[in-house]
């Protein structure tokens, strides 16, 4: 038992130091797309959905925000002539307190 505990205590810091790489997002606007999907870590409750909805909804060009808590997915519909970039969307998700994993363009 003591060997297991010692091994655990020595390996834990090594595992904790292996940070997950942060994704890099394109800064080119998603012109021609009608929307985007964002895979997000940390979405777990209705308050989470409200927070991310408010932050993303305040961005220029965002017409509708749908948050699927069970899938950790945000679906956006764009409106108007201004389209955000994946980097803009990822930054807003981070500002809301969550971790964006991937941003996919919809249409166009």
C-alpha atoms as a PDB file:
ATOM      1  CA  UNK A   1       0.000   0.000   0.000  1.00  0.00           C
ATOM      2  CA  UNK A   2       2.776   2.426   0.891  1.00  0.00           C
ATOM      3  CA  UNK A   3       4.535   1.760  -2.445  1.00  0.00           C
ATOM      4  CA  UNK A   4       1.347   2.573  -4.300  1.00  0.00           C
ATOM      5  CA  UNK A   5       0.905   5.791  -2.340  1.00  0.00           C
ATOM      6  CA  UNK A   6       4.528   6.827  -2.930  1.00  0.00           C
ATOM      7  CA  UNK A   7       4.266   6.089  -6.650  1.00  0.00           C
ATOM      8  CA  UNK A   8       1.041   8.092  -6.813  1.00  0.00           C
ATOM      9  CA  UNK A   9       2.592  11.064  -5.030  1.00  0.00           C
ATOM     10  CA  UNK A  10       5.588  11.073  -7.397  1.00  0.00           C
ATOM     11  CA  UNK A  11       3.541  10.638 -10.558  1.00  0.00           C
ATOM     12  CA  UNK A  12       0.813  13.142  -9.713  1.00  0.00           C
ATOM     13  CA  UNK A  13       2.986  16.241 -10.240  1.00  0.00           C
ATOM     14  CA  UNK A  14       4.259  14.834 -13.555  1.00  0.00           C
ATOM     15  CA  UNK A  15       0.697  14.298 -14.769  1.00  0.00           C
ATOM     16  CA  UNK A  16      -0.463  17.677 -13.513  1.00  0.00           C
ATOM     17  CA  UNK A  17       2.366  19.378 -15.394  1.00  0.00           C
ATOM     18  CA  UNK A  18       1.195  17.932 -18.700  1.00  0.00           C
ATOM     19  CA  UNK A  19      -1.105  20.766 -19.616  1.00  0.00           C
ATOM     20  CA  UNK A  20      -3.618  20.499 -22.407  1.00  0.00           C
ATOM     21  CA  UNK A  21      -2.482  22.580 -25.362  1.00  0.00           C
ATOM     22  CA  UNK A  22      -4.634  25.608 -25.956  1.00  0.00           C
ATOM     23  CA  UNK A  23      -6.207  25.674 -29.405  1.00  0.00           C
ATOM     24  CA  UNK A  24      -5.235  28.427 -31.827  1.00  0.00           C
ATOM     25  CA  UNK A  25      -8.119  29.990 -33.738  1.00  0.00           C
ATOM     26  CA  UNK A  26      -8.108  31.737 -37.110  1.00  0.00           C
ATOM     27  CA  UNK A  27      -8.570  35.504 -37.001  1.00  0.00           C
ATOM     28  CA  UNK A  28     -10.139  35.750 -40.486  1.00  0.00           C
ATOM     29  CA  UNK A  29     -13.861  36.630 -40.395  1.00  0.00           C
ATOM     30  CA  UNK A  30     -16.233  33.803 -41.323  1.00  0.00           C
ATOM     31  CA  UNK A  31     -17.558  35.743 -44.334  1.00  0.00           C
ATOM     32  CA  UNK A  32     -20.194  33.881 -46.326  1.00  0.00           C
ATOM     33  CA  UNK A  33     -21.026  31.521 -43.467  1.00  0.00           C
ATOM     34  CA  UNK A  34     -24.539  31.572 -42.045  1.00  0.00           C
ATOM     35  CA  UNK A  35     -23.308  30.481 -38.633  1.00  0.00           C
ATOM     36  CA  UNK A  36     -20.830  28.494 -36.571  1.00  0.00           C
ATOM     37  CA  UNK A  37     -20.632  25.674 -34.040  1.00  0.00           C
ATOM     38  CA  UNK A  38     -18.295  25.808 -31.072  1.00  0.00           C
ATOM     39  CA  UNK A  39     -17.282  22.769 -29.014  1.00  0.00           C
ATOM     40  CA  UNK A  40     -16.809  23.958 -25.432  1.00  0.00           C
ATOM     41  CA  UNK A  41     -15.533  22.419 -22.204  1.00  0.00           C
ATOM     42  CA  UNK A  42     -17.180  23.355 -18.918  1.00  0.00           C
ATOM     43  CA  UNK A  43     -20.785  23.966 -19.979  1.00  0.00           C
ATOM     44  CA  UNK A  44     -22.831  22.177 -17.352  1.00  0.00           C
ATOM     45  CA  UNK A  45     -25.786  24.203 -16.082  1.00  0.00           C
ATOM     46  CA  UNK A  46     -28.466  26.665 -17.187  1.00  0.00           C
ATOM     47  CA  UNK A  47     -26.477  29.542 -15.646  1.00  0.00           C
ATOM     48  CA  UNK A  48     -23.547  28.543 -17.873  1.00  0.00           C
ATOM     49  CA  UNK A  49     -25.831  28.701 -20.896  1.00  0.00           C
ATOM     50  CA  UNK A  50     -27.098  32.140 -19.886  1.00  0.00           C
ATOM     51  CA  UNK A  51     -23.566  33.505 -19.359  1.00  0.00           C
ATOM     52  CA  UNK A  52     -22.228  32.302 -22.698  1.00  0.00           C
ATOM     53  CA  UNK A  53     -25.441  33.375 -24.478  1.00  0.00           C
ATOM     54  CA  UNK A  54     -25.071  36.945 -23.168  1.00  0.00           C
ATOM     55  CA  UNK A  55     -21.391  37.245 -24.040  1.00  0.00           C
ATOM     56  CA  UNK A  56     -21.680  35.778 -27.542  1.00  0.00           C
ATOM     57  CA  UNK A  57     -24.971  37.556 -28.235  1.00  0.00           C
ATOM     58  CA  UNK A  58     -23.268  40.897 -27.633  1.00  0.00           C
ATOM     59  CA  UNK A  59     -20.803  40.343 -30.503  1.00  0.00           C
ATOM     60  CA  UNK A  60     -21.481  42.162 -33.779  1.00  0.00           C
ATOM     61  CA  UNK A  61     -22.994  39.861 -36.389  1.00  0.00           C
ATOM     62  CA  UNK A  62     -24.495  37.317 -33.970  1.00  0.00           C
ATOM     63  CA  UNK A  63     -28.229  36.857 -34.479  1.00  0.00           C
ATOM     64  CA  UNK A  64     -29.001  33.735 -32.446  1.00  0.00           C
ATOM     65  CA  UNK A  65     -27.173  31.665 -29.825  1.00  0.00           C
ATOM     66  CA  UNK A  66     -28.260  28.106 -28.954  1.00  0.00           C
ATOM     67  CA  UNK A  67     -26.437  26.257 -26.172  1.00  0.00           C
ATOM     68  CA  UNK A  68     -26.656  22.463 -25.931  1.00  0.00           C
ATOM     69  CA  UNK A  69     -25.437  21.578 -22.431  1.00  0.00           C
ATOM     70  CA  UNK A  70     -25.584  17.818 -22.996  1.00  0.00           C
ATOM     71  CA  UNK A  71     -23.187  18.035 -25.962  1.00  0.00           C
ATOM     72  CA  UNK A  72     -21.091  20.991 -24.795  1.00  0.00           C
ATOM     73  CA  UNK A  73     -21.969  22.681 -28.069  1.00  0.00           C
ATOM     74  CA  UNK A  74     -22.889  26.240 -29.003  1.00  0.00           C
ATOM     75  CA  UNK A  75     -24.650  26.882 -32.319  1.00  0.00           C
ATOM     76  CA  UNK A  76     -24.629  30.416 -33.681  1.00  0.00           C
ATOM     77  CA  UNK A  77     -26.567  32.070 -36.493  1.00  0.00           C
ATOM     78  CA  UNK A  78     -25.064  35.171 -38.042  1.00  0.00           C
ATOM     79  CA  UNK A  79     -26.979  38.212 -39.201  1.00  0.00           C
ATOM     80  CA  UNK A  80     -26.045  41.401 -40.975  1.00  0.00           C
ATOM     81  CA  UNK A  81     -22.918  42.158 -42.926  1.00  0.00           C
ATOM     82  CA  UNK A  82     -20.392  41.632 -40.133  1.00  0.00           C
ATOM     83  CA  UNK A  83     -19.117  38.110 -39.491  1.00  0.00           C
ATOM     84  CA  UNK A  84     -16.972  37.306 -36.452  1.00  0.00           C
ATOM     85  CA  UNK A  85     -13.788  35.273 -36.749  1.00  0.00           C
ATOM     86  CA  UNK A  86     -13.201  31.969 -34.959  1.00  0.00           C
ATOM     87  CA  UNK A  87     -10.700  33.849 -32.769  1.00  0.00           C
ATOM     88  CA  UNK A  88     -13.384  36.419 -31.828  1.00  0.00           C
ATOM     89  CA  UNK A  89     -15.797  33.630 -30.916  1.00  0.00           C
ATOM     90  CA  UNK A  90     -13.181  31.706 -28.924  1.00  0.00           C
ATOM     91  CA  UNK A  91     -12.181  34.865 -27.035  1.00  0.00           C
ATOM     92  CA  UNK A  92     -15.826  35.544 -26.109  1.00  0.00           C
ATOM     93  CA  UNK A  93     -16.263  31.948 -24.886  1.00  0.00           C
ATOM     94  CA  UNK A  94     -13.120  32.361 -22.735  1.00  0.00           C
ATOM     95  CA  UNK A  95     -14.457  35.674 -21.393  1.00  0.00           C
ATOM     96  CA  UNK A  96     -17.619  33.822 -20.345  1.00  0.00           C
ATOM     97  CA  UNK A  97     -15.432  31.421 -18.338  1.00  0.00           C
ATOM     98  CA  UNK A  98     -15.295  28.374 -20.606  1.00  0.00           C
ATOM     99  CA  UNK A  99     -12.743  26.599 -22.791  1.00  0.00           C
ATOM    100  CA  UNK A 100     -13.360  26.607 -26.554  1.00  0.00           C
ATOM    101  CA  UNK A 101     -12.047  23.460 -28.227  1.00  0.00           C
ATOM    102  CA  UNK A 102     -13.067  23.872 -31.870  1.00  0.00           C
ATOM    103  CA  UNK A 103     -14.967  26.403 -33.994  1.00  0.00           C
ATOM    104  CA  UNK A 104     -16.626  25.099 -37.174  1.00  0.00           C
ATOM    105  CA  UNK A 105     -18.171  27.280 -39.880  1.00  0.00           C
ATOM    106  CA  UNK A 106     -21.697  26.502 -41.021  1.00  0.00           C
ATOM    107  CA  UNK A 107     -22.501  27.042 -44.690  1.00  0.00           C
ATOM    108  CA  UNK A 108     -20.728  29.128 -47.288  1.00  0.00           C
END
